[in-house]
Structures are given as structure tokens and as C-alpha cells.
Full PDB file with SEQRES, HELIX, SHEET, SSBOND, CRYST1, ORIGX, SCALE, CONECT and MASTER records, all heavy atoms in Angstrom:
SEQRES   1 A   31  LYS ASN ALA LEU ARG MET ARG PRO ASP ARG ILE ILE VAL          
SEQRES   2 A   31  GLY GLU VAL ARG GLY GLU GLU ALA PHE ASP MET LEU GLN          
SEQRES   3 A   31  ALA MET ASN THR GLY                                          
HELIX    1 AA1 ALA A    3  MET A    6  5                                   4    
HELIX    2 AA2 GLU A   20  MET A   28  1                                   9    
CRYST1    1.000    1.000    1.000  90.00  90.00  90.00 P 1           1          
ORIGX1      1.000000  0.000000  0.000000        0.00000                         
ORIGX2      0.000000  1.000000  0.000000        0.00000                         
ORIGX3      0.000000  0.000000  1.000000        0.00000                         
SCALE1      1.000000  0.000000  0.000000        0.00000                         
SCALE2      0.000000  1.000000  0.000000        0.00000                         
SCALE3      0.000000  0.000000  1.000000        0.00000                         
ATOM      1  N   LYS A   1       0.843  -1.260  -0.010  1.00  0.00           N  
ATOM      2  CA  LYS A   1      -0.009  -0.030  -0.018  1.00  0.00           C  
ATOM      3  C   LYS A   1       0.844   1.217   0.039  1.00  0.00           C  
ATOM      4  O   LYS A   1       0.609   2.244  -0.693  1.00  0.00           O  
ATOM      5  CB  LYS A   1      -0.853  -0.046   1.235  1.00  0.00           C  
ATOM      6  CG  LYS A   1      -2.064  -0.945   1.087  1.00  0.00           C  
ATOM      7  CD  LYS A   1      -2.873  -0.958   2.474  1.00  0.00           C  
ATOM      8  CE  LYS A   1      -4.046  -1.926   2.428  1.00  0.00           C  
ATOM      9  NZ  LYS A   1      -4.638  -2.013   3.691  1.00  0.00           N  
ATOM     10  N   ASN A   2       1.896   1.181   0.817  1.00  0.00           N  
ATOM     11  CA  ASN A   2       2.736   2.374   0.885  1.00  0.00           C  
ATOM     12  C   ASN A   2       3.506   2.605  -0.444  1.00  0.00           C  
ATOM     13  O   ASN A   2       3.719   3.745  -0.798  1.00  0.00           O  
ATOM     14  CB  ASN A   2       3.670   2.254   2.108  1.00  0.00           C  
ATOM     15  CG  ASN A   2       4.583   3.499   2.230  1.00  0.00           C  
ATOM     16  OD1 ASN A   2       4.059   4.534   2.802  1.00  0.00           O  
ATOM     17  ND2 ASN A   2       5.853   3.597   1.953  1.00  0.00           N  
ATOM     18  N   ALA A   3       3.958   1.501  -1.076  1.00  0.00           N  
ATOM     19  CA  ALA A   3       4.726   1.629  -2.322  1.00  0.00           C  
ATOM     20  C   ALA A   3       3.798   2.390  -3.434  1.00  0.00           C  
ATOM     21  O   ALA A   3       4.481   3.144  -4.181  1.00  0.00           O  
ATOM     22  CB  ALA A   3       5.120   0.303  -2.869  1.00  0.00           C  
ATOM     23  N   LEU A   4       2.603   2.198  -3.294  1.00  0.00           N  
ATOM     24  CA  LEU A   4       1.719   2.991  -4.386  1.00  0.00           C  
ATOM     25  C   LEU A   4       1.845   4.456  -4.284  1.00  0.00           C  
ATOM     26  O   LEU A   4       1.560   5.126  -5.187  1.00  0.00           O  
ATOM     27  CB  LEU A   4       0.246   2.532  -4.207  1.00  0.00           C  
ATOM     28  CG  LEU A   4      -0.100   1.032  -4.466  1.00  0.00           C  
ATOM     29  CD1 LEU A   4      -1.443   0.568  -4.234  1.00  0.00           C  
ATOM     30  CD2 LEU A   4       0.309   0.611  -5.868  1.00  0.00           C  
ATOM     31  N   ARG A   5       2.210   4.971  -3.001  1.00  0.00           N  
ATOM     32  CA  ARG A   5       2.351   6.375  -2.893  1.00  0.00           C  
ATOM     33  C   ARG A   5       3.813   6.860  -3.183  1.00  0.00           C  
ATOM     34  O   ARG A   5       4.066   7.990  -2.822  1.00  0.00           O  
ATOM     35  CB  ARG A   5       1.944   6.667  -1.330  1.00  0.00           C  
ATOM     36  CG  ARG A   5       0.641   6.340  -0.932  1.00  0.00           C  
ATOM     37  CD  ARG A   5       0.243   6.556   0.427  1.00  0.00           C  
ATOM     38  NE  ARG A   5      -0.845   5.922   0.841  1.00  0.00           N  
ATOM     39  CZ  ARG A   5      -1.152   5.054   1.788  1.00  0.00           C  
ATOM     40  NH1 ARG A   5      -0.090   4.748   2.687  1.00  0.00           N  
ATOM     41  NH2 ARG A   5      -2.338   4.545   2.119  1.00  0.00           N  
ATOM     42  N   MET A   6       4.634   6.004  -3.622  1.00  0.00           N  
ATOM     43  CA  MET A   6       6.015   6.385  -3.863  1.00  0.00           C  
ATOM     44  C   MET A   6       6.292   6.554  -5.362  1.00  0.00           C  
ATOM     45  O   MET A   6       7.522   6.441  -5.799  1.00  0.00           O  
ATOM     46  CB  MET A   6       6.907   5.270  -3.352  1.00  0.00           C  
ATOM     47  CG  MET A   6       6.725   5.085  -1.721  1.00  0.00           C  
ATOM     48  SD  MET A   6       7.573   3.712  -1.051  1.00  0.00           S  
ATOM     49  CE  MET A   6       9.297   4.257  -1.094  1.00  0.00           C  
ATOM     50  N   ARG A   7       5.282   6.744  -6.148  1.00  0.00           N  
ATOM     51  CA  ARG A   7       5.429   7.003  -7.527  1.00  0.00           C  
ATOM     52  C   ARG A   7       6.288   5.926  -8.253  1.00  0.00           C  
ATOM     53  O   ARG A   7       7.212   6.167  -9.009  1.00  0.00           O  
ATOM     54  CB  ARG A   7       6.123   8.299  -7.892  1.00  0.00           C  
ATOM     55  CG  ARG A   7       5.840   8.919  -9.301  1.00  0.00           C  
ATOM     56  CD  ARG A   7       7.128   9.407  -9.870  1.00  0.00           C  
ATOM     57  NE  ARG A   7       7.172   9.537 -11.270  1.00  0.00           N  
ATOM     58  CZ  ARG A   7       7.472   8.569 -12.120  1.00  0.00           C  
ATOM     59  NH1 ARG A   7       7.791   7.358 -11.688  1.00  0.00           N  
ATOM     60  NH2 ARG A   7       7.483   8.731 -13.384  1.00  0.00           N  
ATOM     61  N   PRO A   8       5.927   4.568  -8.142  1.00  0.00           N  
ATOM     62  CA  PRO A   8       6.779   3.663  -8.790  1.00  0.00           C  
ATOM     63  C   PRO A   8       6.212   3.456 -10.116  1.00  0.00           C  
ATOM     64  O   PRO A   8       5.049   3.609 -10.496  1.00  0.00           O  
ATOM     65  CB  PRO A   8       6.430   2.301  -7.950  1.00  0.00           C  
ATOM     66  CG  PRO A   8       5.097   2.570  -7.363  1.00  0.00           C  
ATOM     67  CD  PRO A   8       4.869   4.004  -7.240  1.00  0.00           C  
ATOM     68  N   ASP A   9       7.052   3.003 -11.084  1.00  0.00           N  
ATOM     69  CA  ASP A   9       6.675   2.474 -12.528  1.00  0.00           C  
ATOM     70  C   ASP A   9       6.241   1.091 -12.350  1.00  0.00           C  
ATOM     71  O   ASP A   9       5.318   0.650 -12.967  1.00  0.00           O  
ATOM     72  CB  ASP A   9       7.806   2.762 -13.467  1.00  0.00           C  
ATOM     73  CG  ASP A   9       7.981   4.258 -13.964  1.00  0.00           C  
ATOM     74  OD1 ASP A   9       6.878   4.913 -14.250  1.00  0.00           O  
ATOM     75  OD2 ASP A   9       9.052   4.677 -13.606  1.00  0.00           O  
ATOM     76  N   ARG A  10       7.080   0.352 -11.564  1.00  0.00           N  
ATOM     77  CA  ARG A  10       6.725  -1.114 -11.333  1.00  0.00           C  
ATOM     78  C   ARG A  10       6.960  -1.454  -9.970  1.00  0.00           C  
ATOM     79  O   ARG A  10       7.885  -0.779  -9.299  1.00  0.00           O  
ATOM     80  CB  ARG A  10       7.546  -1.909 -12.208  1.00  0.00           C  
ATOM     81  CG  ARG A  10       7.592  -1.671 -13.710  1.00  0.00           C  
ATOM     82  CD  ARG A  10       8.324  -2.690 -14.487  1.00  0.00           C  
ATOM     83  NE  ARG A  10       8.734  -2.213 -15.785  1.00  0.00           N  
ATOM     84  CZ  ARG A  10       8.674  -3.031 -16.924  1.00  0.00           C  
ATOM     85  NH1 ARG A  10       8.359  -4.235 -16.765  1.00  0.00           N  
ATOM     86  NH2 ARG A  10       8.970  -2.552 -18.024  1.00  0.00           N  
ATOM     87  N   ILE A  11       6.229  -2.418  -9.449  1.00  0.00           N  
ATOM     88  CA  ILE A  11       6.451  -2.891  -8.055  1.00  0.00           C  
ATOM     89  C   ILE A  11       6.906  -4.344  -8.124  1.00  0.00           C  
ATOM     90  O   ILE A  11       6.215  -5.094  -8.930  1.00  0.00           O  
ATOM     91  CB  ILE A  11       5.160  -2.802  -7.213  1.00  0.00           C  
ATOM     92  CG1 ILE A  11       4.704  -1.307  -7.072  1.00  0.00           C  
ATOM     93  CG2 ILE A  11       5.227  -3.486  -5.870  1.00  0.00           C  
ATOM     94  CD1 ILE A  11       3.373  -1.141  -6.377  1.00  0.00           C  
ATOM     95  N   ILE A  12       7.974  -4.696  -7.602  1.00  0.00           N  
ATOM     96  CA  ILE A  12       8.407  -5.965  -7.596  1.00  0.00           C  
ATOM     97  C   ILE A  12       8.288  -6.642  -6.152  1.00  0.00           C  
ATOM     98  O   ILE A  12       9.005  -6.160  -5.248  1.00  0.00           O  
ATOM     99  CB  ILE A  12       9.965  -6.085  -8.016  1.00  0.00           C  
ATOM    100  CG1 ILE A  12      10.227  -5.247  -9.027  1.00  0.00           C  
ATOM    101  CG2 ILE A  12      10.308  -7.531  -8.200  1.00  0.00           C  
ATOM    102  CD1 ILE A  12       9.888  -5.698 -10.516  1.00  0.00           C  
ATOM    103  N   VAL A  13       7.355  -7.594  -5.987  1.00  0.00           N  
ATOM    104  CA  VAL A  13       7.208  -8.228  -4.568  1.00  0.00           C  
ATOM    105  C   VAL A  13       8.020  -9.549  -4.697  1.00  0.00           C  
ATOM    106  O   VAL A  13       7.771 -10.354  -5.551  1.00  0.00           O  
ATOM    107  CB  VAL A  13       5.702  -8.518  -4.431  1.00  0.00           C  
ATOM    108  CG1 VAL A  13       5.513  -9.126  -3.034  1.00  0.00           C  
ATOM    109  CG2 VAL A  13       4.925  -7.124  -4.329  1.00  0.00           C  
ATOM    110  N   GLY A  14       8.925  -9.644  -3.737  1.00  0.00           N  
ATOM    111  CA  GLY A  14       9.718 -10.828  -3.702  1.00  0.00           C  
ATOM    112  C   GLY A  14       8.943 -12.031  -3.743  1.00  0.00           C  
ATOM    113  O   GLY A  14       9.236 -13.169  -4.485  1.00  0.00           O  
ATOM    114  N   GLU A  15       7.873 -12.120  -2.863  1.00  0.00           N  
ATOM    115  CA  GLU A  15       7.053 -13.380  -2.884  1.00  0.00           C  
ATOM    116  C   GLU A  15       5.787 -13.032  -2.278  1.00  0.00           C  
ATOM    117  O   GLU A  15       5.685 -12.357  -1.341  1.00  0.00           O  
ATOM    118  CB  GLU A  15       7.754 -14.558  -2.197  1.00  0.00           C  
ATOM    119  CG  GLU A  15       7.009 -15.718  -2.086  1.00  0.00           C  
ATOM    120  CD  GLU A  15       7.351 -16.782  -1.160  1.00  0.00           C  
ATOM    121  OE1 GLU A  15       8.540 -16.731  -0.807  1.00  0.00           O  
ATOM    122  OE2 GLU A  15       6.550 -17.683  -0.773  1.00  0.00           O  
ATOM    123  N   VAL A  16       4.570 -13.448  -2.874  1.00  0.00           N  
ATOM    124  CA  VAL A  16       3.303 -13.365  -2.250  1.00  0.00           C  
ATOM    125  C   VAL A  16       2.985 -14.634  -1.577  1.00  0.00           C  
ATOM    126  O   VAL A  16       3.169 -15.704  -2.114  1.00  0.00           O  
ATOM    127  CB  VAL A  16       2.131 -12.907  -3.265  1.00  0.00           C  
ATOM    128  CG1 VAL A  16       2.267 -11.474  -3.689  1.00  0.00           C  
ATOM    129  CG2 VAL A  16       2.109 -13.818  -4.433  1.00  0.00           C  
ATOM    130  N   ARG A  17       2.568 -14.466  -0.214  1.00  0.00           N  
ATOM    131  CA  ARG A  17       2.189 -15.651   0.527  1.00  0.00           C  
ATOM    132  C   ARG A  17       0.981 -15.499   1.476  1.00  0.00           C  
ATOM    133  O   ARG A  17       0.661 -16.212   2.247  1.00  0.00           O  
ATOM    134  CB  ARG A  17       3.394 -16.044   1.279  1.00  0.00           C  
ATOM    135  CG  ARG A  17       4.060 -15.080   2.223  1.00  0.00           C  
ATOM    136  CD  ARG A  17       5.014 -15.610   3.259  1.00  0.00           C  
ATOM    137  NE  ARG A  17       6.187 -16.006   2.651  1.00  0.00           N  
ATOM    138  CZ  ARG A  17       7.344 -15.344   2.601  1.00  0.00           C  
ATOM    139  NH1 ARG A  17       7.210 -14.087   2.997  1.00  0.00           N  
ATOM    140  NH2 ARG A  17       8.429 -15.857   2.023  1.00  0.00           N  
ATOM    141  N   GLY A  18       0.285 -14.270   1.230  1.00  0.00           N  
ATOM    142  CA  GLY A  18      -0.876 -14.007   2.112  1.00  0.00           C  
ATOM    143  C   GLY A  18      -1.720 -13.025   1.566  1.00  0.00           C  
ATOM    144  O   GLY A  18      -1.768 -12.794   0.265  1.00  0.00           O  
ATOM    145  N   GLU A  19      -2.363 -12.113   2.347  1.00  0.00           N  
ATOM    146  CA  GLU A  19      -3.408 -11.183   1.876  1.00  0.00           C  
ATOM    147  C   GLU A  19      -2.805 -10.067   1.026  1.00  0.00           C  
ATOM    148  O   GLU A  19      -3.552  -9.401   0.356  1.00  0.00           O  
ATOM    149  CB  GLU A  19      -4.120 -10.558   3.217  1.00  0.00           C  
ATOM    150  CG  GLU A  19      -3.342  -9.684   4.045  1.00  0.00           C  
ATOM    151  CD  GLU A  19      -2.721 -10.332   5.270  1.00  0.00           C  
ATOM    152  OE1 GLU A  19      -3.489 -10.942   6.015  1.00  0.00           O  
ATOM    153  OE2 GLU A  19      -1.441 -10.125   5.567  1.00  0.00           O  
ATOM    154  N   GLU A  20      -1.468  -9.879   1.057  1.00  0.00           N  
ATOM    155  CA  GLU A  20      -0.845  -8.831   0.211  1.00  0.00           C  
ATOM    156  C   GLU A  20      -1.113  -9.095  -1.309  1.00  0.00           C  
ATOM    157  O   GLU A  20      -0.991  -8.270  -2.124  1.00  0.00           O  
ATOM    158  CB  GLU A  20       0.735  -8.708   0.433  1.00  0.00           C  
ATOM    159  CG  GLU A  20       1.526  -9.775  -0.010  1.00  0.00           C  
ATOM    160  CD  GLU A  20       1.568 -10.917   1.090  1.00  0.00           C  
ATOM    161  OE1 GLU A  20       1.127 -10.895   2.181  1.00  0.00           O  
ATOM    162  OE2 GLU A  20       2.336 -11.906   0.774  1.00  0.00           O  
ATOM    163  N   ALA A  21      -1.454 -10.367  -1.574  1.00  0.00           N  
ATOM    164  CA  ALA A  21      -1.725 -10.709  -2.977  1.00  0.00           C  
ATOM    165  C   ALA A  21      -2.867  -9.883  -3.630  1.00  0.00           C  
ATOM    166  O   ALA A  21      -2.850  -9.437  -4.649  1.00  0.00           O  
ATOM    167  CB  ALA A  21      -2.229 -12.261  -3.066  1.00  0.00           C  
ATOM    168  N   PHE A  22      -3.833  -9.410  -2.678  1.00  0.00           N  
ATOM    169  CA  PHE A  22      -4.980  -8.740  -3.083  1.00  0.00           C  
ATOM    170  C   PHE A  22      -4.506  -7.281  -3.567  1.00  0.00           C  
ATOM    171  O   PHE A  22      -4.794  -6.735  -4.612  1.00  0.00           O  
ATOM    172  CB  PHE A  22      -6.041  -8.519  -1.855  1.00  0.00           C  
ATOM    173  CG  PHE A  22      -7.109  -7.589  -2.231  1.00  0.00           C  
ATOM    174  CD1 PHE A  22      -8.122  -7.846  -3.012  1.00  0.00           C  
ATOM    175  CD2 PHE A  22      -7.070  -6.221  -1.528  1.00  0.00           C  
ATOM    176  CE1 PHE A  22      -9.125  -6.968  -3.326  1.00  0.00           C  
ATOM    177  CE2 PHE A  22      -8.144  -5.401  -1.816  1.00  0.00           C  
ATOM    178  CZ  PHE A  22      -9.090  -5.743  -2.700  1.00  0.00           C  
ATOM    179  N   ASP A  23      -3.585  -6.651  -2.653  1.00  0.00           N  
ATOM    180  CA  ASP A  23      -3.093  -5.332  -2.979  1.00  0.00           C  
ATOM    181  C   ASP A  23      -2.043  -5.441  -4.157  1.00  0.00           C  
ATOM    182  O   ASP A  23      -2.071  -4.399  -4.908  1.00  0.00           O  
ATOM    183  CB  ASP A  23      -2.277  -4.812  -1.761  1.00  0.00           C  
ATOM    184  CG  ASP A  23      -3.187  -4.825  -0.539  1.00  0.00           C  
ATOM    185  OD1 ASP A  23      -3.982  -3.957  -0.286  1.00  0.00           O  
ATOM    186  OD2 ASP A  23      -3.110  -5.805   0.232  1.00  0.00           O  
ATOM    187  N   MET A  24      -1.297  -6.464  -4.314  1.00  0.00           N  
ATOM    188  CA  MET A  24      -0.518  -6.564  -5.439  1.00  0.00           C  
ATOM    189  C   MET A  24      -1.294  -6.580  -6.818  1.00  0.00           C  
ATOM    190  O   MET A  24      -1.013  -5.913  -7.737  1.00  0.00           O  
ATOM    191  CB  MET A  24       0.206  -7.867  -5.319  1.00  0.00           C  
ATOM    192  CG  MET A  24       1.190  -8.151  -6.469  1.00  0.00           C  
ATOM    193  SD  MET A  24       2.751  -7.164  -6.432  1.00  0.00           S  
ATOM    194  CE  MET A  24       3.192  -7.296  -8.142  1.00  0.00           C  
ATOM    195  N   LEU A  25      -2.494  -7.353  -6.779  1.00  0.00           N  
ATOM    196  CA  LEU A  25      -3.309  -7.412  -7.964  1.00  0.00           C  
ATOM    197  C   LEU A  25      -3.927  -5.996  -8.217  1.00  0.00           C  
ATOM    198  O   LEU A  25      -4.002  -5.568  -9.408  1.00  0.00           O  
ATOM    199  CB  LEU A  25      -4.507  -8.499  -7.880  1.00  0.00           C  
ATOM    200  CG  LEU A  25      -4.044  -9.864  -7.787  1.00  0.00           C  
ATOM    201  CD1 LEU A  25      -5.169 -10.767  -7.564  1.00  0.00           C  
ATOM    202  CD2 LEU A  25      -3.455 -10.232  -9.016  1.00  0.00           C  
ATOM    203  N   GLN A  26      -4.273  -5.276  -7.140  1.00  0.00           N  
ATOM    204  CA  GLN A  26      -4.827  -3.947  -7.287  1.00  0.00           C  
ATOM    205  C   GLN A  26      -3.801  -2.993  -8.007  1.00  0.00           C  
ATOM    206  O   GLN A  26      -4.139  -2.228  -8.933  1.00  0.00           O  
ATOM    207  CB  GLN A  26      -5.222  -3.360  -5.899  1.00  0.00           C  
ATOM    208  CG  GLN A  26      -6.342  -4.081  -5.247  1.00  0.00           C  
ATOM    209  CD  GLN A  26      -7.703  -3.804  -5.879  1.00  0.00           C  
ATOM    210  OE1 GLN A  26      -8.107  -4.482  -6.829  1.00  0.00           O  
ATOM    211  NE2 GLN A  26      -8.379  -2.827  -5.242  1.00  0.00           N  
ATOM    212  N   ALA A  27      -2.570  -3.208  -7.498  1.00  0.00           N  
ATOM    213  CA  ALA A  27      -1.586  -2.298  -8.140  1.00  0.00           C  
ATOM    214  C   ALA A  27      -1.320  -2.645  -9.447  1.00  0.00           C  
ATOM    215  O   ALA A  27      -1.230  -1.690 -10.431  1.00  0.00           O  
ATOM    216  CB  ALA A  27      -0.069  -2.658  -7.428  1.00  0.00           C  
ATOM    217  N   MET A  28      -1.322  -4.006  -9.892  1.00  0.00           N  
ATOM    218  CA  MET A  28      -1.179  -4.306 -11.303  1.00  0.00           C  
ATOM    219  C   MET A  28      -2.359  -3.699 -12.198  1.00  0.00           C  
ATOM    220  O   MET A  28      -2.225  -3.529 -13.367  1.00  0.00           O  
ATOM    221  CB  MET A  28      -1.166  -5.906 -11.476  1.00  0.00           C  
ATOM    222  CG  MET A  28       0.268  -6.411 -10.952  1.00  0.00           C  
ATOM    223  SD  MET A  28       0.156  -8.220 -11.057  1.00  0.00           S  
ATOM    224  CE  MET A  28       1.859  -8.631 -10.723  1.00  0.00           C  
ATOM    225  N   ASN A  29      -3.519  -3.604 -11.622  1.00  0.00           N  
ATOM    226  CA  ASN A  29      -4.657  -3.154 -12.235  1.00  0.00           C  
ATOM    227  C   ASN A  29      -4.901  -1.746 -12.214  1.00  0.00           C  
ATOM    228  O   ASN A  29      -5.780  -1.259 -12.882  1.00  0.00           O  
ATOM    229  CB  ASN A  29      -5.953  -3.902 -11.670  1.00  0.00           C  
ATOM    230  CG  ASN A  29      -6.150  -5.189 -12.116  1.00  0.00           C  
ATOM    231  OD1 ASN A  29      -5.949  -5.566 -13.360  1.00  0.00           O  
ATOM    232  ND2 ASN A  29      -6.646  -6.171 -11.329  1.00  0.00           N  
ATOM    233  N   THR A  30      -3.977  -0.982 -11.560  1.00  0.00           N  
ATOM    234  CA  THR A  30      -4.245   0.513 -11.517  1.00  0.00           C  
ATOM    235  C   THR A  30      -2.991   1.271 -12.026  1.00  0.00           C  
ATOM    236  O   THR A  30      -2.499   2.099 -11.384  1.00  0.00           O  
ATOM    237  CB  THR A  30      -4.472   0.931 -10.133  1.00  0.00           C  
ATOM    238  OG1 THR A  30      -3.478   0.318  -9.176  1.00  0.00           O  
ATOM    239  CG2 THR A  30      -5.892   0.367  -9.611  1.00  0.00           C  
ATOM    240  N   GLY A  31      -2.368   0.794 -13.178  1.00  0.00           N  
ATOM    241  CA  GLY A  31      -1.520   1.692 -13.792  1.00  0.00           C  
ATOM    242  C   GLY A  31      -0.026   1.208 -13.437  1.00  0.00           C  
ATOM    243  O   GLY A  31       0.965   1.981 -13.726  1.00  0.00           O  
TER     244      GLY A  31                                                      
MASTER        0    0    0    2    0    0    0    6  243    1    0    3          
END                                                                             
């Protein structure tokens, strides 16, 4: 969630293993 406020072009998550998968998908779907 914090990374989305840091003006990234891409977010690289080392590994999804829990509820952060939801936020990761949201990020991929929002630019």
C-alpha cells in the first residue's frame, strides 16, 4: 500500500504468500 504512494513505475514483490496478493493485484490493475 505504501509503495503505491512512492510513484513507482513497477512494483516487484519478492514473494506473495498471504493477503498482500490482493493489494498486488490492485497495483497491477491500476497503472
